[in-house]
Amino acid sequence: MTALEAREFIPQEIKFWKDSWERLYMEAEGKVWGPVKVQRAFPLTASDAMLIVQDDEGRYLGMIQEYKTMDEASLVVLEEELEREYFLPKITKIHEIEDDLRLLTWHVETDRGPRVFEVQNRRADIQWFTDTHVVIQDADGNKYEISDLSKLDPASRQKVEMEV
């Protein structure tokens, strides 16, 4: 396989598991691959469309489409790994956004509990995907999502609209 060739693994022919050190392995095409990393090709816009498989040094191994059709045990392991990799709390309420000219400090409720985080750069760290879908990256690189701004309470919507 050359660097430009795309290998597509067949979901029904793949097995995933973790070893005792929690490293992810994959069996496909009669071969064991691992440890491997799995990433979503389109994490924010089509998160279930395609996965990219890499070795532990980041070299491309192949892709998996329709991964949810693989065997149940592998799917559980894979989804746990994706959940860990793509921890993306959803903001459900905004209590306050403090602005000290250099940092925005957000005090929010999420589907994972209350959070306080800082945003350094409004332009770079707050990404609008639609008029109502926004992802905010904090100073530590963690991301938070407002999947539909119109579903937040009016006070929370107003805080977002005033600051971004």
N, C-alpha and C. Protein backbone atom coordinates (compact mmCIF):
# COMPACT_ATOMS: atom_id res chain seq x y z
N MET A 1 0.85 -1.18 0.00
CA MET A 1 0.00 0.00 0.00
C MET A 1 0.89 1.24 0.00
N THR A 2 0.62 2.14 -0.93
CA THR A 2 1.37 3.39 -0.96
C THR A 2 0.72 4.40 -0.05
N ALA A 3 1.41 5.52 0.16
CA ALA A 3 0.91 6.55 1.07
C ALA A 3 -0.42 7.13 0.61
N LEU A 4 -0.73 7.04 -0.69
CA LEU A 4 -1.97 7.63 -1.19
C LEU A 4 -3.14 6.65 -1.22
N GLU A 5 -2.88 5.36 -1.03
CA GLU A 5 -3.96 4.39 -1.07
C GLU A 5 -4.78 4.43 0.22
N ALA A 6 -6.06 4.24 0.07
CA ALA A 6 -6.95 4.23 1.23
C ALA A 6 -7.41 2.81 1.51
N ARG A 7 -7.11 2.30 2.69
CA ARG A 7 -7.55 0.97 3.08
C ARG A 7 -8.85 1.14 3.84
N GLU A 8 -9.85 0.37 3.44
CA GLU A 8 -11.12 0.40 4.16
C GLU A 8 -11.34 -0.94 4.83
N PHE A 9 -11.38 -0.92 6.17
CA PHE A 9 -11.65 -2.13 6.92
C PHE A 9 -13.16 -2.39 6.92
N ILE A 10 -13.54 -3.65 6.83
CA ILE A 10 -14.95 -4.04 6.82
C ILE A 10 -15.41 -4.25 8.26
N PRO A 11 -16.40 -3.47 8.73
CA PRO A 11 -16.78 -3.51 10.15
C PRO A 11 -17.10 -4.90 10.69
N GLN A 12 -17.78 -5.73 9.89
CA GLN A 12 -18.17 -7.06 10.36
C GLN A 12 -16.98 -8.02 10.46
N GLU A 13 -15.83 -7.61 9.94
CA GLU A 13 -14.64 -8.46 9.96
C GLU A 13 -13.56 -7.93 10.90
N ILE A 14 -13.93 -7.00 11.78
CA ILE A 14 -12.98 -6.38 12.71
C ILE A 14 -13.32 -6.78 14.13
N LYS A 15 -12.30 -6.97 14.94
CA LYS A 15 -12.46 -7.18 16.38
C LYS A 15 -11.58 -6.16 17.09
N PHE A 16 -12.14 -5.49 18.10
CA PHE A 16 -11.38 -4.56 18.95
C PHE A 16 -11.37 -5.10 20.37
N TRP A 17 -10.27 -4.88 21.07
CA TRP A 17 -10.17 -5.20 22.49
C TRP A 17 -9.06 -4.36 23.10
N LYS A 18 -9.03 -4.35 24.44
CA LYS A 18 -7.97 -3.65 25.15
C LYS A 18 -7.16 -4.66 25.95
N ASP A 19 -5.86 -4.38 26.05
CA ASP A 19 -5.01 -5.24 26.87
C ASP A 19 -5.08 -4.80 28.33
N SER A 20 -4.28 -5.42 29.17
CA SER A 20 -4.33 -5.11 30.60
C SER A 20 -3.83 -3.70 30.93
N TRP A 21 -3.15 -3.04 29.98
CA TRP A 21 -2.71 -1.66 30.17
C TRP A 21 -3.66 -0.67 29.51
N GLU A 22 -4.85 -1.16 29.12
CA GLU A 22 -5.88 -0.33 28.49
C GLU A 22 -5.49 0.20 27.11
N ARG A 23 -4.59 -0.47 26.42
CA ARG A 23 -4.23 -0.10 25.05
C ARG A 23 -5.17 -0.81 24.10
N LEU A 24 -5.58 -0.11 23.05
CA LEU A 24 -6.55 -0.62 22.09
C LEU A 24 -5.86 -1.41 20.99
N TYR A 25 -6.40 -2.60 20.69
CA TYR A 25 -5.91 -3.45 19.61
C TYR A 25 -7.05 -3.78 18.66
N MET A 26 -6.66 -4.11 17.42
CA MET A 26 -7.64 -4.44 16.40
C MET A 26 -7.16 -5.66 15.63
N GLU A 27 -8.07 -6.58 15.35
CA GLU A 27 -7.78 -7.68 14.44
C GLU A 27 -8.60 -7.46 13.19
N ALA A 28 -7.92 -7.45 12.05
CA ALA A 28 -8.58 -7.25 10.75
C ALA A 28 -7.69 -7.84 9.67
N GLU A 29 -8.32 -8.32 8.63
CA GLU A 29 -7.59 -8.88 7.49
C GLU A 29 -6.62 -9.97 7.91
N GLY A 30 -6.99 -10.75 8.93
CA GLY A 30 -6.17 -11.85 9.40
C GLY A 30 -4.91 -11.42 10.14
N LYS A 31 -4.88 -10.19 10.60
CA LYS A 31 -3.69 -9.63 11.23
C LYS A 31 -4.09 -8.86 12.49
N VAL A 32 -3.20 -8.85 13.50
CA VAL A 32 -3.43 -8.05 14.71
C VAL A 32 -2.68 -6.73 14.55
N TRP A 33 -3.39 -5.65 14.80
CA TRP A 33 -2.83 -4.30 14.70
C TRP A 33 -2.85 -3.69 16.09
N GLY A 34 -1.75 -3.11 16.50
CA GLY A 34 -1.82 -2.43 17.77
C GLY A 34 -0.51 -2.21 18.45
N PRO A 35 -0.60 -1.37 19.45
CA PRO A 35 -1.78 -0.61 19.83
C PRO A 35 -2.18 0.37 18.71
N VAL A 36 -3.48 0.65 18.66
CA VAL A 36 -4.02 1.56 17.65
C VAL A 36 -4.76 2.71 18.31
N LYS A 37 -4.94 3.77 17.53
CA LYS A 37 -5.77 4.91 17.92
C LYS A 37 -6.89 5.00 16.90
N VAL A 38 -8.06 5.36 17.38
CA VAL A 38 -9.20 5.52 16.49
C VAL A 38 -9.74 6.93 16.66
N GLN A 39 -9.95 7.61 15.54
CA GLN A 39 -10.47 8.97 15.56
C GLN A 39 -11.64 9.08 14.61
N ARG A 40 -12.55 9.98 14.93
CA ARG A 40 -13.66 10.28 14.04
C ARG A 40 -13.12 11.15 12.90
N ALA A 41 -13.48 10.82 11.67
CA ALA A 41 -13.05 11.62 10.53
C ALA A 41 -13.70 12.99 10.55
N PHE A 42 -14.95 13.06 10.98
CA PHE A 42 -15.71 14.32 11.03
C PHE A 42 -16.36 14.44 12.40
N PRO A 43 -15.58 14.74 13.44
CA PRO A 43 -16.08 14.64 14.81
C PRO A 43 -17.25 15.55 15.16
N LEU A 44 -17.36 16.71 14.54
CA LEU A 44 -18.43 17.63 14.92
C LEU A 44 -19.58 17.67 13.93
N THR A 45 -19.35 17.28 12.70
CA THR A 45 -20.41 17.41 11.70
C THR A 45 -21.04 16.07 11.31
N ALA A 46 -20.29 14.99 11.36
CA ALA A 46 -20.82 13.66 11.02
C ALA A 46 -20.05 12.63 11.84
N SER A 47 -20.26 12.65 13.13
CA SER A 47 -19.40 11.89 14.05
C SER A 47 -19.45 10.39 13.84
N ASP A 48 -20.53 9.85 13.32
CA ASP A 48 -20.63 8.40 13.13
C ASP A 48 -20.37 7.96 11.71
N ALA A 49 -20.03 8.87 10.82
CA ALA A 49 -19.88 8.54 9.40
C ALA A 49 -18.66 7.67 9.12
N MET A 50 -17.51 8.03 9.67
CA MET A 50 -16.28 7.31 9.34
C MET A 50 -15.27 7.46 10.47
N LEU A 51 -14.53 6.39 10.70
CA LEU A 51 -13.45 6.40 11.67
C LEU A 51 -12.12 6.21 10.96
N ILE A 52 -11.09 6.83 11.48
CA ILE A 52 -9.74 6.67 10.98
C ILE A 52 -8.95 5.86 12.00
N VAL A 53 -8.24 4.84 11.55
CA VAL A 53 -7.42 4.01 12.42
C VAL A 53 -5.95 4.35 12.16
N GLN A 54 -5.23 4.59 13.25
CA GLN A 54 -3.80 4.89 13.16
C GLN A 54 -3.03 3.99 14.12
N ASP A 55 -1.74 3.83 13.85
CA ASP A 55 -0.93 3.11 14.82
C ASP A 55 -0.60 4.06 15.97
N ASP A 56 0.10 3.57 16.98
CA ASP A 56 0.35 4.41 18.16
C ASP A 56 1.32 5.55 17.90
N GLU A 57 1.90 5.60 16.72
CA GLU A 57 2.77 6.72 16.35
C GLU A 57 2.08 7.68 15.38
N GLY A 58 0.78 7.47 15.15
CA GLY A 58 0.01 8.37 14.33
C GLY A 58 0.03 8.07 12.84
N ARG A 59 0.58 6.93 12.44
CA ARG A 59 0.60 6.57 11.01
C ARG A 59 -0.76 5.97 10.62
N TYR A 60 -1.26 6.40 9.49
CA TYR A 60 -2.55 5.96 8.96
C TYR A 60 -2.52 4.46 8.65
N LEU A 61 -3.52 3.74 9.15
CA LEU A 61 -3.68 2.32 8.83
C LEU A 61 -4.87 2.08 7.92
N GLY A 62 -5.94 2.83 8.13
CA GLY A 62 -7.13 2.64 7.30
C GLY A 62 -8.32 3.35 7.89
N MET A 63 -9.49 3.11 7.26
CA MET A 63 -10.72 3.74 7.72
C MET A 63 -11.80 2.69 7.89
N ILE A 64 -12.80 3.05 8.67
CA ILE A 64 -13.96 2.18 8.91
C ILE A 64 -15.21 3.02 8.69
N GLN A 65 -16.05 2.58 7.77
CA GLN A 65 -17.35 3.22 7.58
C GLN A 65 -18.41 2.31 8.20
N GLU A 66 -19.50 2.90 8.63
CA GLU A 66 -20.61 2.14 9.24
C GLU A 66 -20.11 1.24 10.37
N TYR A 67 -19.28 1.81 11.25
CA TYR A 67 -18.66 1.01 12.31
C TYR A 67 -19.67 0.42 13.28
N LYS A 68 -20.85 0.99 13.35
CA LYS A 68 -21.83 0.49 14.32
C LYS A 68 -22.40 -0.87 13.93
N THR A 69 -21.99 -1.40 12.77
CA THR A 69 -22.44 -2.72 12.35
C THR A 69 -21.49 -3.84 12.79
N MET A 70 -20.41 -3.50 13.52
CA MET A 70 -19.47 -4.53 13.98
C MET A 70 -20.06 -5.28 15.17
N ASP A 71 -19.39 -6.35 15.59
CA ASP A 71 -19.91 -7.18 16.68
C ASP A 71 -20.03 -6.35 17.97
N GLU A 72 -20.96 -6.75 18.80
CA GLU A 72 -21.34 -5.97 19.99
C GLU A 72 -20.17 -5.75 20.95
N ALA A 73 -19.37 -6.77 21.22
CA ALA A 73 -18.26 -6.63 22.16
C ALA A 73 -17.24 -5.62 21.65
N SER A 74 -16.92 -5.68 20.37
CA SER A 74 -15.98 -4.72 19.78
C SER A 74 -16.56 -3.32 19.79
N LEU A 75 -17.85 -3.22 19.51
CA LEU A 75 -18.51 -1.91 19.48
C LEU A 75 -18.48 -1.25 20.85
N VAL A 76 -18.69 -2.02 21.91
CA VAL A 76 -18.64 -1.47 23.27
C VAL A 76 -17.25 -0.93 23.57
N VAL A 77 -16.21 -1.70 23.25
CA VAL A 77 -14.83 -1.26 23.50
C VAL A 77 -14.53 -0.01 22.69
N LEU A 78 -14.91 -0.01 21.43
CA LEU A 78 -14.64 1.12 20.54
C LEU A 78 -15.37 2.38 20.99
N GLU A 79 -16.63 2.26 21.36
CA GLU A 79 -17.38 3.44 21.79
C GLU A 79 -16.88 3.99 23.11
N GLU A 80 -16.42 3.13 24.02
CA GLU A 80 -15.79 3.62 25.26
C GLU A 80 -14.54 4.43 24.93
N GLU A 81 -13.76 3.95 23.99
CA GLU A 81 -12.53 4.65 23.59
C GLU A 81 -12.87 5.98 22.93
N LEU A 82 -13.87 6.00 22.07
CA LEU A 82 -14.28 7.25 21.41
C LEU A 82 -14.84 8.25 22.43
N GLU A 83 -15.59 7.76 23.39
CA GLU A 83 -16.13 8.63 24.44
C GLU A 83 -15.00 9.28 25.24
N ARG A 84 -13.99 8.50 25.54
CA ARG A 84 -12.83 9.03 26.27
C ARG A 84 -12.08 10.05 25.41
N GLU A 85 -11.94 9.75 24.13
CA GLU A 85 -11.20 10.63 23.22
C GLU A 85 -11.96 11.92 22.91
N TYR A 86 -13.28 11.81 22.81
CA TYR A 86 -14.09 12.96 22.40
C TYR A 86 -15.03 13.41 23.51
N PHE A 87 -14.49 13.59 24.68
CA PHE A 87 -15.27 14.10 25.80
C PHE A 87 -15.75 15.50 25.43
N LEU A 88 -17.05 15.66 25.23
CA LEU A 88 -17.60 16.93 24.77
C LEU A 88 -18.88 17.23 25.54
N PRO A 89 -18.73 17.81 26.74
CA PRO A 89 -19.93 18.14 27.52
C PRO A 89 -20.83 19.13 26.77
N LYS A 90 -22.12 18.94 26.93
CA LYS A 90 -23.09 19.83 26.30
C LYS A 90 -23.55 20.86 27.34
N ILE A 91 -23.42 22.13 27.00
CA ILE A 91 -23.84 23.20 27.89
C ILE A 91 -25.36 23.28 27.88
N THR A 92 -25.95 23.23 29.08
CA THR A 92 -27.41 23.28 29.21
C THR A 92 -27.90 24.59 29.82
N LYS A 93 -27.00 25.30 30.52
CA LYS A 93 -27.37 26.58 31.13
C LYS A 93 -26.09 27.38 31.37
N ILE A 94 -26.19 28.68 31.20
CA ILE A 94 -25.05 29.56 31.47
C ILE A 94 -25.42 30.47 32.64
N HIS A 95 -24.68 30.34 33.72
CA HIS A 95 -24.94 31.17 34.89
C HIS A 95 -24.33 32.56 34.72
N GLU A 96 -23.10 32.57 34.21
CA GLU A 96 -22.40 33.84 34.10
C GLU A 96 -21.24 33.68 33.13
N ILE A 97 -20.93 34.78 32.42
CA ILE A 97 -19.71 34.86 31.62
C ILE A 97 -19.02 36.14 32.07
N GLU A 98 -17.89 35.98 32.77
CA GLU A 98 -17.14 37.13 33.26
C GLU A 98 -16.12 37.53 32.19
N ASP A 99 -16.05 38.83 31.92
CA ASP A 99 -15.14 39.34 30.90
C ASP A 99 -14.15 40.29 31.56
N ASP A 100 -12.85 39.89 31.58
CA ASP A 100 -11.85 40.79 32.15
C ASP A 100 -10.91 41.33 31.07
N LEU A 101 -11.41 41.46 29.86
CA LEU A 101 -10.72 41.98 28.68
C LEU A 101 -9.77 40.99 28.04
N ARG A 102 -9.14 40.14 28.79
CA ARG A 102 -8.24 39.15 28.20
C ARG A 102 -8.84 37.75 28.22
N LEU A 103 -9.62 37.45 29.20
CA LEU A 103 -10.20 36.12 29.36
C LEU A 103 -11.70 36.23 29.59
N LEU A 104 -12.41 35.27 29.04
CA LEU A 104 -13.82 35.09 29.38
C LEU A 104 -13.88 33.89 30.32
N THR A 105 -14.46 34.06 31.48
CA THR A 105 -14.64 32.95 32.41
C THR A 105 -16.11 32.55 32.38
N TRP A 106 -16.36 31.33 31.92
CA TRP A 106 -17.71 30.80 31.78
C TRP A 106 -18.06 29.97 33.01
N HIS A 107 -19.23 30.23 33.61
CA HIS A 107 -19.79 29.44 34.71
C HIS A 107 -21.04 28.79 34.13
N VAL A 108 -21.00 27.47 33.93
CA VAL A 108 -22.08 26.81 33.20
C VAL A 108 -22.52 25.52 33.87
N GLU A 109 -23.68 25.05 33.45
CA GLU A 109 -24.15 23.70 33.74
C GLU A 109 -24.02 22.91 32.46
N THR A 110 -23.57 21.66 32.58
CA THR A 110 -23.48 20.79 31.41
C THR A 110 -24.19 19.48 31.71
N ASP A 111 -24.30 18.66 30.68
CA ASP A 111 -24.88 17.34 30.90
C ASP A 111 -23.97 16.45 31.74
N ARG A 112 -22.77 16.94 32.07
CA ARG A 112 -21.82 16.22 32.92
C ARG A 112 -21.62 16.93 34.25
N GLY A 113 -22.47 17.92 34.55
CA GLY A 113 -22.36 18.64 35.81
C GLY A 113 -21.86 20.06 35.62
N PRO A 114 -21.73 20.81 36.72
CA PRO A 114 -21.29 22.21 36.62
C PRO A 114 -19.82 22.31 36.22
N ARG A 115 -19.50 23.36 35.47
CA ARG A 115 -18.13 23.60 35.03
C ARG A 115 -17.84 25.09 35.06
N VAL A 116 -16.58 25.43 35.32
CA VAL A 116 -16.08 26.79 35.19
C VAL A 116 -14.85 26.67 34.31
N PHE A 117 -14.80 27.45 33.23
CA PHE A 117 -13.64 27.38 32.34
C PHE A 117 -13.36 28.75 31.74
N GLU A 118 -12.13 28.91 31.26
CA GLU A 118 -11.70 30.18 30.68
C GLU A 118 -11.49 30.04 29.18
N VAL A 119 -11.88 31.09 28.46
CA VAL A 119 -11.68 31.16 27.01
C VAL A 119 -10.74 32.32 26.75
N GLN A 120 -9.64 32.04 26.05
CA GLN A 120 -8.63 33.06 25.82
C GLN A 120 -8.91 33.95 24.61
N ASN A 121 -9.44 33.38 23.54
CA ASN A 121 -9.57 34.12 22.29
C ASN A 121 -10.96 33.88 21.70
N ARG A 122 -11.78 34.91 21.73
CA ARG A 122 -13.15 34.78 21.22
C ARG A 122 -13.19 34.25 19.79
N ARG A 123 -12.35 34.80 18.95
CA ARG A 123 -12.38 34.42 17.52
C ARG A 123 -11.90 33.00 17.28
N ALA A 124 -10.80 32.61 17.91
CA ALA A 124 -10.21 31.30 17.66
C ALA A 124 -10.87 30.18 18.46
N ASP A 125 -11.35 30.48 19.66
CA ASP A 125 -11.82 29.44 20.57
C ASP A 125 -13.32 29.23 20.60
N ILE A 126 -14.06 30.06 19.90
CA ILE A 126 -15.51 29.90 19.82
C ILE A 126 -15.87 29.70 18.36
N GLN A 127 -16.28 28.47 18.02
CA GLN A 127 -16.55 28.12 16.63
C GLN A 127 -18.04 27.92 16.40
N TRP A 128 -18.57 28.67 15.45
CA TRP A 128 -19.97 28.55 15.07
C TRP A 128 -20.06 27.63 13.86
N PHE A 129 -20.85 26.55 13.97
CA PHE A 129 -21.05 25.64 12.85
C PHE A 129 -22.34 25.97 12.10
N THR A 130 -23.32 26.49 12.83
CA THR A 130 -24.55 27.02 12.23
C THR A 130 -24.93 28.24 13.07
N ASP A 131 -26.08 28.82 12.80
CA ASP A 131 -26.53 29.97 13.59
C ASP A 131 -26.84 29.59 15.04
N THR A 132 -27.03 28.30 15.31
CA THR A 132 -27.39 27.88 16.67
C THR A 132 -26.44 26.85 17.27
N HIS A 133 -25.51 26.31 16.50
CA HIS A 133 -24.60 25.27 16.99
C HIS A 133 -23.21 25.87 17.17
N VAL A 134 -22.72 25.81 18.40
CA VAL A 134 -21.42 26.41 18.72
C VAL A 134 -20.60 25.46 19.58
N VAL A 135 -19.29 25.44 19.35
CA VAL A 135 -18.36 24.67 20.18
C VAL A 135 -17.34 25.66 20.74
N ILE A 136 -17.13 25.58 22.05
CA ILE A 136 -16.23 26.49 22.75
C ILE A 136 -15.05 25.68 23.25
N GLN A 137 -13.84 26.16 23.00
CA GLN A 137 -12.64 25.51 23.50
C GLN A 137 -12.06 26.35 24.63
N ASP A 138 -11.79 25.71 25.76
CA ASP A 138 -11.24 26.46 26.89
C ASP A 138 -9.72 26.57 26.79
N ALA A 139 -9.14 27.28 27.74
CA ALA A 139 -7.69 27.54 27.73
C ALA A 139 -6.86 26.27 27.85
N ASP A 140 -7.46 25.18 28.34
CA ASP A 140 -6.74 23.91 28.48
C ASP A 140 -6.97 22.97 27.30
N GLY A 141 -7.73 23.42 26.29
CA GLY A 141 -7.99 22.59 25.12
C GLY A 141 -9.24 21.73 25.21
N ASN A 142 -9.97 21.80 26.33
CA ASN A 142 -11.22 21.05 26.46
C ASN A 142 -12.29 21.76 25.64
N LYS A 143 -13.23 20.98 25.12
CA LYS A 143 -14.29 21.57 24.30
C LYS A 143 -15.65 21.34 24.95
N TYR A 144 -16.52 22.31 24.74
CA TYR A 144 -17.89 22.29 25.25
C TYR A 144 -18.81 22.65 24.09
N GLU A 145 -19.97 22.04 24.07
CA GLU A 145 -20.87 22.24 22.94
C GLU A 145 -22.21 22.82 23.37
N ILE A 146 -22.69 23.76 22.58
CA ILE A 146 -24.09 24.18 22.64
C ILE A 146 -24.67 23.71 21.31
N SER A 147 -25.40 22.60 21.35
CA SER A 147 -25.87 22.00 20.10
C SER A 147 -26.98 22.81 19.46
N ASP A 148 -27.77 23.51 20.28
CA ASP A 148 -28.84 24.36 19.73
C ASP A 148 -29.08 25.52 20.70
N LEU A 149 -28.51 26.66 20.35
CA LEU A 149 -28.61 27.85 21.19
C LEU A 149 -30.06 28.21 21.48
N SER A 150 -30.94 27.98 20.52
CA SER A 150 -32.35 28.35 20.70
C SER A 150 -33.04 27.53 21.78
N LYS A 151 -32.45 26.40 22.19
CA LYS A 151 -33.05 25.58 23.24
C LYS A 151 -32.59 25.95 24.64
N LEU A 152 -31.63 26.87 24.74
CA LEU A 152 -31.23 27.36 26.07
C LEU A 152 -32.29 28.34 26.58
N ASP A 153 -32.31 28.53 27.88
CA ASP A 153 -33.24 29.51 28.46
C ASP A 153 -32.86 30.91 27.96
N PRO A 154 -33.81 31.85 27.95
CA PRO A 154 -33.54 33.19 27.41
C PRO A 154 -32.34 33.90 28.05
N ALA A 155 -32.16 33.78 29.36
CA ALA A 155 -31.05 34.45 30.03
C ALA A 155 -29.71 33.87 29.56
N SER A 156 -29.63 32.55 29.38
CA SER A 156 -28.40 31.92 28.89
C SER A 156 -28.11 32.36 27.46
N ARG A 157 -29.13 32.38 26.62
CA ARG A 157 -28.95 32.82 25.21
C ARG A 157 -28.42 34.24 25.17
N GLN A 158 -28.98 35.11 26.00
CA GLN A 158 -28.57 36.51 26.00
C GLN A 158 -27.10 36.64 26.42
N LYS A 159 -26.66 35.86 27.40
CA LYS A 159 -25.25 35.92 27.82
C LYS A 159 -24.33 35.53 26.68
N VAL A 160 -24.67 34.48 25.95
CA VAL A 160 -23.84 34.06 24.82
C VAL A 160 -23.83 35.14 23.75
N GLU A 161 -24.99 35.66 23.40
CA GLU A 161 -25.09 36.64 22.33
C GLU A 161 -24.36 37.93 22.68
N MET A 162 -24.29 38.29 23.93
CA MET A 162 -23.58 39.51 24.34
C MET A 162 -22.07 39.35 24.31
N GLU A 163 -21.58 38.13 24.49
CA GLU A 163 -20.14 37.93 24.63
C GLU A 163 -19.44 37.40 23.38
N VAL A 164 -20.17 36.84 22.47
CA VAL A 164 -19.50 36.26 21.29
C VAL A 164 -19.97 36.89 19.99
